Amino acid sequence: MIEGFEFKQCTSILKSTGKKAGNLHTLRDMIARVSDDCIFHHTYQYFLKEHILEYTNDFAHWAGESLEERSLAEQLSSIDPYEFDNIKGLRKELLYVVDDYLERFPEPREAMRGDEFFFNETVTLVFPIGLKAKNLAEFLMAIKYVDIGSIYYHFYEARMRVGGGIDDFSKWIEESLGKKGLAERIRAIDPFMHNIENIRKHIEEQIEEELRGDMEAMGVEE
């Protein structure tokens, strides 16, 4: 019997740490000292905030937009948090990139007053939305209309929970539906090249293609 997919959603409540940075030296020191939850908020949860896609984390966004340190912003944006097994490894890489930049440019710009980097954490609340899919067709209908908080939770945040770069969608499709090829195509969607709505669109396209193939195999005309 196929186990249905239960859609959940997450919402985040912002919590200030009271810490801020006005230049890269202070930013570097704070990255070394703030909590894991703070690093998680400014990296993994970046796409839930729907920022522009030129950057992939809050540190890169601030370096590029507030300090106009475009080269550093590009280097920070190249860091994929899902390549690391834990926050410790990600923190170490962030520090390495900033340290390397400061070694070459020891006197970086100061942020304008009021435009400092404010370190925050989030309390994430996860809850079911009362929607389940028992097959691929039902899953497709659901994915078209669920809130972006649900897409984020299952496609982005799951990679940290499940590990191995695996999202909830492809995990269910492979393990419950036995569609390994479709699961691999969904896993191949780059989370850093698209915003959440585009992620939704690409998932829809892959599922629609799979369903068309299923109907053709059964000799059913659209």
N, C-alpha and C. Protein backbone atom coordinates (compact mmCIF):
# COMPACT_ATOMS: atom_id res chain seq x y z
N MET A 1 0.84 -1.20 0.00
CA MET A 1 0.00 0.00 0.00
C MET A 1 0.87 1.24 0.00
N ILE A 2 0.57 2.18 -0.90
CA ILE A 2 1.38 3.39 -1.03
C ILE A 2 1.12 4.33 0.14
N GLU A 3 2.19 4.77 0.76
CA GLU A 3 2.08 5.74 1.84
C GLU A 3 1.91 7.13 1.23
N GLY A 4 0.86 7.84 1.64
CA GLY A 4 0.59 9.16 1.09
C GLY A 4 1.61 10.20 1.52
N PHE A 5 1.70 11.25 0.73
CA PHE A 5 2.59 12.36 1.08
C PHE A 5 1.79 13.42 1.81
N GLU A 6 2.21 13.75 3.02
CA GLU A 6 1.53 14.78 3.80
C GLU A 6 2.27 16.11 3.65
N PHE A 7 1.60 17.09 3.12
CA PHE A 7 2.21 18.40 2.94
C PHE A 7 2.23 19.15 4.27
N LYS A 8 3.38 19.71 4.56
CA LYS A 8 3.53 20.54 5.75
C LYS A 8 4.04 21.92 5.31
N GLN A 9 3.98 22.83 6.22
CA GLN A 9 4.41 24.19 5.93
C GLN A 9 5.20 24.70 7.11
N CYS A 10 6.11 25.62 6.84
CA CYS A 10 6.84 26.23 7.95
C CYS A 10 6.74 27.74 7.87
N THR A 11 6.73 28.34 9.01
CA THR A 11 6.77 29.79 9.09
C THR A 11 7.80 30.15 10.15
N SER A 12 8.45 31.26 9.97
CA SER A 12 9.54 31.63 10.87
C SER A 12 9.24 32.92 11.62
N ILE A 13 9.54 32.91 12.90
CA ILE A 13 9.40 34.09 13.73
C ILE A 13 10.79 34.64 13.99
N LEU A 14 11.02 35.87 13.57
CA LEU A 14 12.34 36.48 13.67
C LEU A 14 12.69 36.84 15.11
N LYS A 15 13.92 36.54 15.46
CA LYS A 15 14.41 36.82 16.82
C LYS A 15 15.75 37.53 16.71
N SER A 16 15.83 38.72 17.22
CA SER A 16 17.07 39.50 17.15
C SER A 16 18.08 39.00 18.18
N THR A 17 19.35 38.97 17.78
CA THR A 17 20.41 38.59 18.72
C THR A 17 21.00 39.81 19.42
N GLY A 18 20.68 40.99 18.90
CA GLY A 18 21.25 42.22 19.45
C GLY A 18 22.65 42.50 18.94
N LYS A 19 23.14 41.67 18.03
CA LYS A 19 24.49 41.84 17.50
C LYS A 19 24.42 42.42 16.08
N LYS A 20 25.40 43.25 15.73
CA LYS A 20 25.44 43.82 14.39
C LYS A 20 26.88 44.06 13.97
N ALA A 21 27.07 44.27 12.67
CA ALA A 21 28.40 44.52 12.12
C ALA A 21 28.31 45.68 11.14
N GLY A 22 29.30 46.58 11.24
CA GLY A 22 29.33 47.72 10.32
C GLY A 22 30.42 47.62 9.29
N ASN A 23 31.28 46.60 9.44
CA ASN A 23 32.35 46.37 8.47
C ASN A 23 32.69 44.88 8.45
N LEU A 24 33.57 44.51 7.54
CA LEU A 24 33.87 43.09 7.37
C LEU A 24 34.64 42.49 8.54
N HIS A 25 35.44 43.30 9.21
CA HIS A 25 36.19 42.78 10.35
C HIS A 25 35.22 42.36 11.46
N THR A 26 34.24 43.20 11.73
CA THR A 26 33.25 42.87 12.76
C THR A 26 32.37 41.72 12.30
N LEU A 27 32.01 41.72 11.02
CA LEU A 27 31.22 40.62 10.48
C LEU A 27 31.92 39.29 10.69
N ARG A 28 33.20 39.28 10.40
CA ARG A 28 33.99 38.06 10.55
C ARG A 28 33.98 37.58 12.00
N ASP A 29 34.20 38.52 12.94
CA ASP A 29 34.23 38.15 14.35
C ASP A 29 32.87 37.62 14.82
N MET A 30 31.80 38.21 14.32
CA MET A 30 30.47 37.78 14.72
C MET A 30 30.13 36.41 14.13
N ILE A 31 30.52 36.17 12.88
CA ILE A 31 30.27 34.85 12.27
C ILE A 31 30.93 33.75 13.11
N ALA A 32 32.10 34.07 13.67
CA ALA A 32 32.82 33.09 14.49
C ALA A 32 32.13 32.83 15.83
N ARG A 33 31.31 33.79 16.29
CA ARG A 33 30.79 33.71 17.66
C ARG A 33 29.29 33.44 17.76
N VAL A 34 28.52 33.79 16.76
CA VAL A 34 27.07 33.65 16.89
C VAL A 34 26.66 32.18 16.91
N SER A 35 25.43 31.93 17.28
CA SER A 35 24.93 30.56 17.42
C SER A 35 24.76 29.88 16.06
N ASP A 36 24.66 28.56 16.10
CA ASP A 36 24.39 27.80 14.89
C ASP A 36 23.05 28.21 14.28
N ASP A 37 22.07 28.49 15.14
CA ASP A 37 20.76 28.91 14.65
C ASP A 37 20.85 30.21 13.86
N CYS A 38 21.74 31.07 14.26
CA CYS A 38 21.94 32.34 13.55
C CYS A 38 22.55 32.09 12.18
N ILE A 39 23.57 31.27 12.11
CA ILE A 39 24.18 30.93 10.82
C ILE A 39 23.15 30.26 9.90
N PHE A 40 22.34 29.37 10.47
CA PHE A 40 21.30 28.69 9.70
C PHE A 40 20.33 29.69 9.11
N HIS A 41 19.91 30.64 9.90
CA HIS A 41 18.95 31.65 9.44
C HIS A 41 19.50 32.45 8.27
N HIS A 42 20.75 32.84 8.33
CA HIS A 42 21.32 33.72 7.31
C HIS A 42 21.83 32.98 6.07
N THR A 43 21.78 31.66 6.11
CA THR A 43 22.24 30.88 4.95
C THR A 43 21.12 29.98 4.41
N TYR A 44 20.79 28.94 5.14
CA TYR A 44 19.80 27.97 4.67
C TYR A 44 18.43 28.62 4.42
N GLN A 45 18.06 29.58 5.25
CA GLN A 45 16.72 30.16 5.13
C GLN A 45 16.67 31.37 4.21
N TYR A 46 17.74 31.61 3.49
CA TYR A 46 17.81 32.80 2.62
C TYR A 46 16.69 32.83 1.59
N PHE A 47 16.40 31.69 0.99
CA PHE A 47 15.43 31.67 -0.11
C PHE A 47 13.99 31.80 0.38
N LEU A 48 13.75 31.53 1.64
CA LEU A 48 12.42 31.74 2.20
C LEU A 48 12.09 33.23 2.26
N LYS A 49 13.14 34.05 2.25
CA LYS A 49 12.94 35.51 2.34
C LYS A 49 12.72 36.15 0.99
N GLU A 50 12.85 35.37 -0.08
CA GLU A 50 12.59 35.83 -1.44
C GLU A 50 13.45 37.04 -1.83
N HIS A 51 14.73 36.98 -1.49
CA HIS A 51 15.67 38.00 -1.94
C HIS A 51 15.96 37.81 -3.43
N ILE A 52 16.67 38.80 -3.98
CA ILE A 52 17.07 38.67 -5.38
C ILE A 52 18.09 37.55 -5.51
N LEU A 53 18.08 36.89 -6.65
CA LEU A 53 18.86 35.66 -6.81
C LEU A 53 20.33 35.88 -7.18
N GLU A 54 20.75 37.14 -7.18
CA GLU A 54 22.16 37.38 -7.44
C GLU A 54 23.01 36.82 -6.30
N TYR A 55 22.41 36.66 -5.14
CA TYR A 55 23.11 36.17 -3.96
C TYR A 55 22.44 34.90 -3.44
N THR A 56 23.14 34.17 -2.59
CA THR A 56 22.58 32.93 -2.06
C THR A 56 22.58 32.88 -0.53
N ASN A 57 22.99 33.96 0.12
CA ASN A 57 22.90 34.03 1.57
C ASN A 57 22.94 35.50 1.99
N ASP A 58 22.54 35.76 3.23
CA ASP A 58 22.45 37.14 3.71
C ASP A 58 23.82 37.83 3.78
N PHE A 59 24.87 37.07 4.08
CA PHE A 59 26.20 37.66 4.17
C PHE A 59 26.64 38.19 2.80
N ALA A 60 26.41 37.40 1.77
CA ALA A 60 26.75 37.83 0.41
C ALA A 60 25.90 39.03 0.00
N HIS A 61 24.63 38.99 0.36
CA HIS A 61 23.72 40.09 0.01
C HIS A 61 24.20 41.40 0.62
N TRP A 62 24.59 41.35 1.89
CA TRP A 62 25.05 42.56 2.58
C TRP A 62 26.38 43.05 2.00
N ALA A 63 27.30 42.12 1.76
CA ALA A 63 28.60 42.51 1.20
C ALA A 63 28.42 43.16 -0.17
N GLY A 64 27.53 42.64 -0.97
CA GLY A 64 27.34 43.17 -2.32
C GLY A 64 26.53 44.45 -2.37
N GLU A 65 25.43 44.51 -1.59
CA GLU A 65 24.51 45.64 -1.67
C GLU A 65 24.88 46.79 -0.73
N SER A 66 25.29 46.50 0.48
CA SER A 66 25.56 47.55 1.46
C SER A 66 27.01 48.03 1.44
N LEU A 67 27.94 47.09 1.23
CA LEU A 67 29.36 47.45 1.22
C LEU A 67 29.91 47.62 -0.20
N GLU A 68 29.17 47.15 -1.18
CA GLU A 68 29.59 47.18 -2.59
C GLU A 68 30.90 46.43 -2.80
N GLU A 69 31.10 45.39 -2.01
CA GLU A 69 32.26 44.50 -2.16
C GLU A 69 31.82 43.33 -3.05
N ARG A 70 31.71 43.62 -4.35
CA ARG A 70 31.11 42.65 -5.28
C ARG A 70 31.90 41.35 -5.38
N SER A 71 33.21 41.47 -5.35
CA SER A 71 34.04 40.27 -5.46
C SER A 71 33.80 39.33 -4.28
N LEU A 72 33.75 39.89 -3.08
CA LEU A 72 33.49 39.07 -1.89
C LEU A 72 32.08 38.48 -1.96
N ALA A 73 31.12 39.29 -2.41
CA ALA A 73 29.75 38.81 -2.51
C ALA A 73 29.66 37.59 -3.43
N GLU A 74 30.40 37.61 -4.52
CA GLU A 74 30.40 36.48 -5.44
C GLU A 74 31.00 35.23 -4.79
N GLN A 75 32.08 35.45 -4.04
CA GLN A 75 32.72 34.31 -3.37
C GLN A 75 31.81 33.70 -2.31
N LEU A 76 31.15 34.56 -1.54
CA LEU A 76 30.24 34.06 -0.52
C LEU A 76 29.03 33.37 -1.15
N SER A 77 28.59 33.89 -2.29
CA SER A 77 27.44 33.29 -2.97
C SER A 77 27.76 31.92 -3.56
N SER A 78 29.03 31.66 -3.76
CA SER A 78 29.42 30.37 -4.34
C SER A 78 29.40 29.25 -3.30
N ILE A 79 29.23 29.60 -2.04
CA ILE A 79 29.20 28.59 -0.97
C ILE A 79 27.83 27.92 -0.94
N ASP A 80 27.83 26.62 -1.11
CA ASP A 80 26.59 25.84 -1.07
C ASP A 80 26.48 25.22 0.32
N PRO A 81 25.55 25.71 1.16
CA PRO A 81 25.47 25.18 2.53
C PRO A 81 25.13 23.70 2.59
N TYR A 82 24.48 23.19 1.53
CA TYR A 82 24.08 21.79 1.54
C TYR A 82 25.23 20.84 1.24
N GLU A 83 26.40 21.39 0.97
CA GLU A 83 27.59 20.56 0.79
C GLU A 83 28.19 20.16 2.14
N PHE A 84 27.70 20.78 3.21
CA PHE A 84 28.27 20.54 4.53
C PHE A 84 27.33 19.69 5.38
N ASP A 85 27.91 18.82 6.19
CA ASP A 85 27.11 17.94 7.04
C ASP A 85 26.56 18.65 8.26
N ASN A 86 27.18 19.77 8.61
CA ASN A 86 26.73 20.49 9.79
C ASN A 86 27.09 21.97 9.68
N ILE A 87 26.60 22.77 10.62
CA ILE A 87 26.84 24.21 10.61
C ILE A 87 28.31 24.52 10.85
N LYS A 88 28.98 23.68 11.61
CA LYS A 88 30.40 23.90 11.91
C LYS A 88 31.22 24.01 10.63
N GLY A 89 30.99 23.09 9.71
CA GLY A 89 31.72 23.12 8.44
C GLY A 89 31.38 24.33 7.61
N LEU A 90 30.11 24.71 7.59
CA LEU A 90 29.69 25.90 6.85
C LEU A 90 30.29 27.16 7.45
N ARG A 91 30.27 27.26 8.77
CA ARG A 91 30.85 28.42 9.45
C ARG A 91 32.34 28.55 9.11
N LYS A 92 33.03 27.43 9.13
CA LYS A 92 34.46 27.43 8.82
C LYS A 92 34.72 27.94 7.41
N GLU A 93 33.88 27.54 6.45
CA GLU A 93 34.05 27.99 5.07
C GLU A 93 33.76 29.48 4.93
N LEU A 94 32.74 29.97 5.61
CA LEU A 94 32.43 31.40 5.59
C LEU A 94 33.61 32.21 6.12
N LEU A 95 34.17 31.75 7.21
CA LEU A 95 35.32 32.45 7.81
C LEU A 95 36.53 32.42 6.89
N TYR A 96 36.74 31.29 6.24
CA TYR A 96 37.86 31.17 5.31
C TYR A 96 37.75 32.20 4.19
N VAL A 97 36.56 32.32 3.62
CA VAL A 97 36.36 33.25 2.50
C VAL A 97 36.56 34.70 2.95
N VAL A 98 35.99 35.05 4.10
CA VAL A 98 36.12 36.44 4.59
C VAL A 98 37.57 36.72 4.97
N ASP A 99 38.23 35.78 5.65
CA ASP A 99 39.63 35.97 6.04
C ASP A 99 40.53 36.17 4.82
N ASP A 100 40.30 35.36 3.80
CA ASP A 100 41.10 35.47 2.58
C ASP A 100 40.91 36.84 1.93
N TYR A 101 39.68 37.32 1.93
CA TYR A 101 39.40 38.63 1.34
C TYR A 101 40.06 39.75 2.16
N LEU A 102 39.97 39.66 3.46
CA LEU A 102 40.56 40.69 4.32
C LEU A 102 42.07 40.70 4.25
N GLU A 103 42.65 39.56 3.97
CA GLU A 103 44.11 39.49 3.83
C GLU A 103 44.56 40.29 2.61
N ARG A 104 43.71 40.26 1.57
CA ARG A 104 44.03 41.00 0.35
C ARG A 104 43.55 42.45 0.38
N PHE A 105 42.48 42.69 1.13
CA PHE A 105 41.92 44.04 1.24
C PHE A 105 41.65 44.33 2.71
N PRO A 106 42.71 44.67 3.47
CA PRO A 106 42.59 44.81 4.93
C PRO A 106 41.79 46.02 5.40
N GLU A 107 41.49 46.96 4.53
CA GLU A 107 40.73 48.14 4.94
C GLU A 107 39.46 48.28 4.08
N PRO A 108 38.48 47.41 4.29
CA PRO A 108 37.26 47.45 3.49
C PRO A 108 36.36 48.62 3.88
N ARG A 109 35.33 48.84 3.10
CA ARG A 109 34.39 49.95 3.34
C ARG A 109 33.60 49.74 4.63
N GLU A 110 33.12 50.88 5.16
CA GLU A 110 32.20 50.85 6.29
C GLU A 110 30.78 50.98 5.76
N ALA A 111 29.85 50.32 6.41
CA ALA A 111 28.44 50.45 6.03
C ALA A 111 27.91 51.80 6.48
N MET A 112 26.95 52.32 5.74
CA MET A 112 26.28 53.55 6.13
C MET A 112 25.53 53.31 7.44
N ARG A 113 25.36 54.36 8.21
CA ARG A 113 24.63 54.24 9.47
C ARG A 113 23.20 53.77 9.20
N GLY A 114 22.78 52.77 9.93
CA GLY A 114 21.46 52.20 9.72
C GLY A 114 21.45 51.06 8.72
N ASP A 115 22.58 50.85 8.05
CA ASP A 115 22.66 49.79 7.04
C ASP A 115 23.64 48.70 7.46
N GLU A 116 23.84 48.59 8.76
CA GLU A 116 24.73 47.56 9.27
C GLU A 116 24.10 46.17 9.07
N PHE A 117 24.91 45.14 9.27
CA PHE A 117 24.39 43.77 9.21
C PHE A 117 23.87 43.41 10.59
N PHE A 118 22.59 43.07 10.66
CA PHE A 118 21.98 42.70 11.94
C PHE A 118 21.83 41.18 11.99
N PHE A 119 22.43 40.60 13.01
CA PHE A 119 22.39 39.14 13.17
C PHE A 119 21.09 38.73 13.85
N ASN A 120 20.39 37.82 13.20
CA ASN A 120 19.11 37.35 13.71
C ASN A 120 19.07 35.83 13.77
N GLU A 121 18.13 35.32 14.49
CA GLU A 121 17.82 33.90 14.52
C GLU A 121 16.33 33.77 14.20
N THR A 122 15.87 32.57 13.97
CA THR A 122 14.45 32.36 13.76
C THR A 122 13.97 31.17 14.56
N VAL A 123 12.75 31.29 15.03
CA VAL A 123 12.05 30.15 15.61
C VAL A 123 11.15 29.63 14.50
N THR A 124 11.39 28.43 14.02
CA THR A 124 10.64 27.88 12.90
C THR A 124 9.52 26.98 13.40
N LEU A 125 8.31 27.29 12.97
CA LEU A 125 7.14 26.50 13.34
C LEU A 125 6.72 25.66 12.14
N VAL A 126 6.59 24.37 12.33
CA VAL A 126 6.20 23.44 11.26
C VAL A 126 4.84 22.85 11.60
N PHE A 127 3.94 22.83 10.63
CA PHE A 127 2.60 22.31 10.89
C PHE A 127 2.02 21.71 9.61
N PRO A 128 1.22 20.65 9.75
CA PRO A 128 0.55 20.07 8.57
C PRO A 128 -0.52 21.02 8.06
N ILE A 129 -0.77 21.02 6.76
CA ILE A 129 -1.76 21.92 6.19
C ILE A 129 -3.04 21.20 5.80
N GLY A 130 -3.15 19.93 6.21
CA GLY A 130 -4.37 19.18 5.95
C GLY A 130 -4.52 18.71 4.52
N LEU A 131 -3.38 18.51 3.85
CA LEU A 131 -3.41 18.09 2.46
C LEU A 131 -2.51 16.89 2.27
N LYS A 132 -3.04 15.82 1.70
CA LYS A 132 -2.27 14.62 1.43
C LYS A 132 -2.46 14.19 -0.01
N ALA A 133 -1.42 13.56 -0.56
CA ALA A 133 -1.48 13.02 -1.93
C ALA A 133 -1.20 11.54 -1.87
N LYS A 134 -2.07 10.75 -2.51
CA LYS A 134 -1.91 9.30 -2.50
C LYS A 134 -1.25 8.78 -3.78
N ASN A 135 -1.21 9.63 -4.81
CA ASN A 135 -0.59 9.22 -6.06
C ASN A 135 0.02 10.44 -6.74
N LEU A 136 0.66 10.24 -7.87
CA LEU A 136 1.39 11.31 -8.53
C LEU A 136 0.47 12.40 -9.06
N ALA A 137 -0.71 12.02 -9.55
CA ALA A 137 -1.66 13.01 -10.07
C ALA A 137 -2.15 13.93 -8.96
N GLU A 138 -2.46 13.36 -7.80
CA GLU A 138 -2.89 14.17 -6.66
C GLU A 138 -1.75 15.06 -6.17
N PHE A 139 -0.54 14.52 -6.21
CA PHE A 139 0.63 15.29 -5.80
C PHE A 139 0.81 16.51 -6.71
N LEU A 140 0.62 16.32 -8.01
CA LEU A 140 0.76 17.41 -8.97
C LEU A 140 -0.26 18.51 -8.68
N MET A 141 -1.51 18.15 -8.43
CA MET A 141 -2.53 19.14 -8.14
C MET A 141 -2.20 19.92 -6.88
N ALA A 142 -1.67 19.23 -5.89
CA ALA A 142 -1.33 19.88 -4.62
C ALA A 142 -0.16 20.84 -4.78
N ILE A 143 0.88 20.39 -5.50
CA ILE A 143 2.09 21.20 -5.64
C ILE A 143 1.81 22.52 -6.37
N LYS A 144 0.76 22.53 -7.17
CA LYS A 144 0.41 23.74 -7.92
C LYS A 144 -0.11 24.85 -7.02
N TYR A 145 -0.68 24.48 -5.86
CA TYR A 145 -1.41 25.47 -5.07
C TYR A 145 -0.92 25.66 -3.63
N VAL A 146 -0.04 24.80 -3.14
CA VAL A 146 0.42 24.96 -1.76
C VAL A 146 1.22 26.25 -1.62
N ASP A 147 1.26 26.77 -0.42
CA ASP A 147 2.00 28.01 -0.13
C ASP A 147 3.50 27.80 -0.34
N ILE A 148 4.20 28.88 -0.63
CA ILE A 148 5.65 28.77 -0.85
C ILE A 148 6.36 28.27 0.40
N GLY A 149 5.76 28.50 1.59
CA GLY A 149 6.36 27.99 2.83
C GLY A 149 6.42 26.48 2.84
N SER A 150 5.48 25.85 2.15
CA SER A 150 5.48 24.39 2.05
C SER A 150 6.54 23.92 1.06
N ILE A 151 6.65 24.61 -0.07
CA ILE A 151 7.69 24.27 -1.05
C ILE A 151 9.07 24.42 -0.40
N TYR A 152 9.26 25.52 0.32
CA TYR A 152 10.54 25.74 0.98
C TYR A 152 10.84 24.62 1.97
N TYR A 153 9.88 24.28 2.80
CA TYR A 153 10.11 23.28 3.84
C TYR A 153 10.49 21.93 3.25
N HIS A 154 9.75 21.50 2.25
CA HIS A 154 9.97 20.16 1.69
C HIS A 154 11.14 20.09 0.71
N PHE A 155 11.44 21.20 0.03
CA PHE A 155 12.49 21.15 -1.00
C PHE A 155 13.84 21.66 -0.49
N TYR A 156 13.81 22.69 0.33
CA TYR A 156 15.06 23.27 0.83
C TYR A 156 15.44 22.72 2.21
N GLU A 157 14.59 22.98 3.18
CA GLU A 157 14.97 22.64 4.55
C GLU A 157 15.12 21.13 4.76
N ALA A 158 14.39 20.36 3.98
CA ALA A 158 14.48 18.90 4.10
C ALA A 158 15.90 18.41 3.83
N ARG A 159 16.63 19.10 2.99
CA ARG A 159 17.99 18.67 2.64
C ARG A 159 18.88 18.61 3.87
N MET A 160 18.61 19.48 4.83
CA MET A 160 19.37 19.47 6.08
C MET A 160 18.84 18.39 7.01
N ARG A 161 17.52 18.20 7.02
CA ARG A 161 16.91 17.20 7.90
C ARG A 161 17.20 15.78 7.42
N VAL A 162 16.95 15.55 6.13
CA VAL A 162 17.12 14.21 5.55
C VAL A 162 18.60 13.90 5.32
N GLY A 163 19.36 14.93 4.87
CA GLY A 163 20.78 14.76 4.58
C GLY A 163 21.01 14.25 3.17
N GLY A 164 22.22 14.38 2.71
CA GLY A 164 22.59 13.87 1.40
C GLY A 164 22.01 14.64 0.24
N GLY A 165 21.56 15.87 0.49
CA GLY A 165 20.99 16.67 -0.58
C GLY A 165 19.64 16.17 -1.07
N ILE A 166 18.93 15.42 -0.23
CA ILE A 166 17.66 14.83 -0.63
C ILE A 166 16.49 15.66 -0.09
N ASP A 167 15.55 15.98 -0.95
CA ASP A 167 14.36 16.71 -0.53
C ASP A 167 13.23 15.73 -0.26
N ASP A 168 12.21 16.18 0.45
CA ASP A 168 11.08 15.32 0.80
C ASP A 168 10.31 14.83 -0.42
N PHE A 169 10.18 15.70 -1.42
CA PHE A 169 9.40 15.34 -2.61
C PHE A 169 10.00 14.13 -3.32
N SER A 170 11.28 14.25 -3.67
CA SER A 170 11.92 13.17 -4.42
C SER A 170 12.05 11.90 -3.58
N LYS A 171 12.22 12.07 -2.28
CA LYS A 171 12.33 10.91 -1.39
C LYS A 171 11.03 10.10 -1.44
N TRP A 172 9.89 10.79 -1.34
CA TRP A 172 8.60 10.10 -1.39
C TRP A 172 8.35 9.48 -2.77
N ILE A 173 8.67 10.23 -3.81
CA ILE A 173 8.45 9.74 -5.17
C ILE A 173 9.26 8.48 -5.44
N GLU A 174 10.47 8.43 -4.92
CA GLU A 174 11.30 7.24 -5.13
C GLU A 174 10.88 6.09 -4.23
N GLU A 175 10.71 6.36 -2.94
CA GLU A 175 10.48 5.28 -1.98
C GLU A 175 9.05 4.77 -1.99
N SER A 176 8.07 5.66 -2.18
CA SER A 176 6.67 5.24 -2.13
C SER A 176 6.09 4.91 -3.50
N LEU A 177 6.52 5.65 -4.53
CA LEU A 177 5.99 5.42 -5.86
C LEU A 177 6.91 4.58 -6.74
N GLY A 178 8.16 4.42 -6.31
CA GLY A 178 9.12 3.62 -7.07
C GLY A 178 9.59 4.27 -8.35
N LYS A 179 9.47 5.60 -8.44
CA LYS A 179 9.86 6.32 -9.66
C LYS A 179 11.23 6.98 -9.44
N LYS A 180 12.24 6.16 -9.58
CA LYS A 180 13.60 6.64 -9.31
C LYS A 180 14.04 7.69 -10.31
N GLY A 181 13.71 7.50 -11.58
CA GLY A 181 14.12 8.47 -12.60
C GLY A 181 13.54 9.84 -12.35
N LEU A 182 12.25 9.90 -12.03
CA LEU A 182 11.61 11.18 -11.72
C LEU A 182 12.22 11.80 -10.48
N ALA A 183 12.47 10.98 -9.47
CA ALA A 183 13.09 11.48 -8.23
C ALA A 183 14.45 12.10 -8.52
N GLU A 184 15.23 11.47 -9.36
CA GLU A 184 16.57 11.99 -9.69
C GLU A 184 16.47 13.30 -10.47
N ARG A 185 15.45 13.43 -11.34
CA ARG A 185 15.29 14.68 -12.09
C ARG A 185 14.89 15.83 -11.17
N ILE A 186 14.08 15.53 -10.18
CA ILE A 186 13.69 16.57 -9.23
C ILE A 186 14.88 16.97 -8.36
N ARG A 187 15.69 15.98 -7.97
CA ARG A 187 16.88 16.30 -7.16
C ARG A 187 17.89 17.11 -7.95
N ALA A 188 17.83 16.99 -9.26
CA ALA A 188 18.79 17.70 -10.11
C ALA A 188 18.43 19.18 -10.28
N ILE A 189 17.24 19.58 -9.84
CA ILE A 189 16.85 21.00 -9.92
C ILE A 189 17.71 21.78 -8.94
N ASP A 190 18.45 22.74 -9.43
CA ASP A 190 19.40 23.49 -8.61
C ASP A 190 18.67 24.50 -7.73
N PRO A 191 18.72 24.35 -6.41
CA PRO A 191 17.99 25.26 -5.52
C PRO A 191 18.54 26.68 -5.54
N PHE A 192 19.76 26.87 -6.03
CA PHE A 192 20.37 28.19 -6.02
C PHE A 192 20.25 28.93 -7.34
N MET A 193 19.62 28.32 -8.31
CA MET A 193 19.44 28.97 -9.60
C MET A 193 18.04 29.52 -9.79
N HIS A 194 17.15 29.24 -8.85
CA HIS A 194 15.74 29.62 -9.02
C HIS A 194 15.16 30.13 -7.70
N ASN A 195 14.13 30.96 -7.82
CA ASN A 195 13.37 31.29 -6.61
C ASN A 195 12.36 30.18 -6.35
N ILE A 196 11.62 30.29 -5.27
CA ILE A 196 10.75 29.19 -4.86
C ILE A 196 9.65 28.93 -5.89
N GLU A 197 9.10 29.99 -6.46
CA GLU A 197 8.04 29.80 -7.46
C GLU A 197 8.57 29.07 -8.70
N ASN A 198 9.80 29.37 -9.08
CA ASN A 198 10.39 28.67 -10.23
C ASN A 198 10.70 27.21 -9.89
N ILE A 199 11.06 26.96 -8.62
CA ILE A 199 11.25 25.58 -8.18
C ILE A 199 9.93 24.82 -8.33
N ARG A 200 8.85 25.45 -7.90
CA ARG A 200 7.52 24.84 -8.04
C ARG A 200 7.24 24.50 -9.50
N LYS A 201 7.52 25.47 -10.38
CA LYS A 201 7.25 25.30 -11.81
C LYS A 201 8.05 24.14 -12.39
N HIS A 202 9.32 24.04 -12.03
CA HIS A 202 10.17 22.96 -12.56
C HIS A 202 9.70 21.59 -12.05
N ILE A 203 9.27 21.53 -10.80
CA ILE A 203 8.74 20.26 -10.27
C ILE A 203 7.48 19.87 -11.03
N GLU A 204 6.60 20.84 -11.23
CA GLU A 204 5.38 20.59 -12.00
C GLU A 204 5.71 20.03 -13.38
N GLU A 205 6.66 20.65 -14.06
CA GLU A 205 7.01 20.22 -15.42
C GLU A 205 7.52 18.78 -15.43
N GLN A 206 8.34 18.44 -14.47
CA GLN A 206 8.88 17.07 -14.41
C GLN A 206 7.77 16.05 -14.15
N ILE A 207 6.85 16.39 -13.27
CA ILE A 207 5.76 15.46 -12.96
C ILE A 207 4.80 15.33 -14.15
N GLU A 208 4.49 16.45 -14.79
CA GLU A 208 3.61 16.40 -15.96
C GLU A 208 4.21 15.54 -17.06
N GLU A 209 5.52 15.66 -17.26
CA GLU A 209 6.21 14.84 -18.25
C GLU A 209 6.12 13.36 -17.89
N GLU A 210 6.28 13.06 -16.61
CA GLU A 210 6.20 11.68 -16.15
C GLU A 210 4.80 11.11 -16.35
N LEU A 211 3.79 11.91 -16.02
CA LEU A 211 2.41 11.44 -16.18
C LEU A 211 2.05 11.23 -17.64
N ARG A 212 2.56 12.09 -18.52
CA ARG A 212 2.33 11.89 -19.95
C ARG A 212 2.95 10.58 -20.41
N GLY A 213 4.14 10.32 -19.92
CA GLY A 213 4.80 9.07 -20.28
C GLY A 213 4.03 7.86 -19.78
N ASP A 214 3.47 7.96 -18.58
CA ASP A 214 2.67 6.86 -18.03
C ASP A 214 1.44 6.61 -18.89
N MET A 215 0.77 7.69 -19.32
CA MET A 215 -0.45 7.55 -20.14
C MET A 215 -0.13 6.96 -21.51
N GLU A 216 0.99 7.39 -22.08
CA GLU A 216 1.39 6.84 -23.38
C GLU A 216 1.70 5.35 -23.26
N ALA A 217 2.33 4.98 -22.15
CA ALA A 217 2.67 3.58 -21.95
C ALA A 217 1.41 2.71 -21.82
N MET A 218 0.35 3.32 -21.31
CA MET A 218 -0.91 2.60 -21.16
C MET A 218 -1.81 2.73 -22.40
N GLY A 219 -1.34 3.51 -23.39
CA GLY A 219 -2.11 3.70 -24.60
C GLY A 219 -3.28 4.63 -24.43
N VAL A 220 -3.16 5.55 -23.45
CA VAL A 220 -4.24 6.51 -23.19
C VAL A 220 -3.91 7.82 -23.89
N GLU A 221 -4.82 8.34 -24.65
CA GLU A 221 -4.63 9.63 -25.33
C GLU A 221 -5.01 10.76 -24.40
N GLU A 222 -4.27 11.90 -24.52
CA GLU A 222 -4.59 13.05 -23.68
C GLU A 222 -5.87 13.71 -24.17
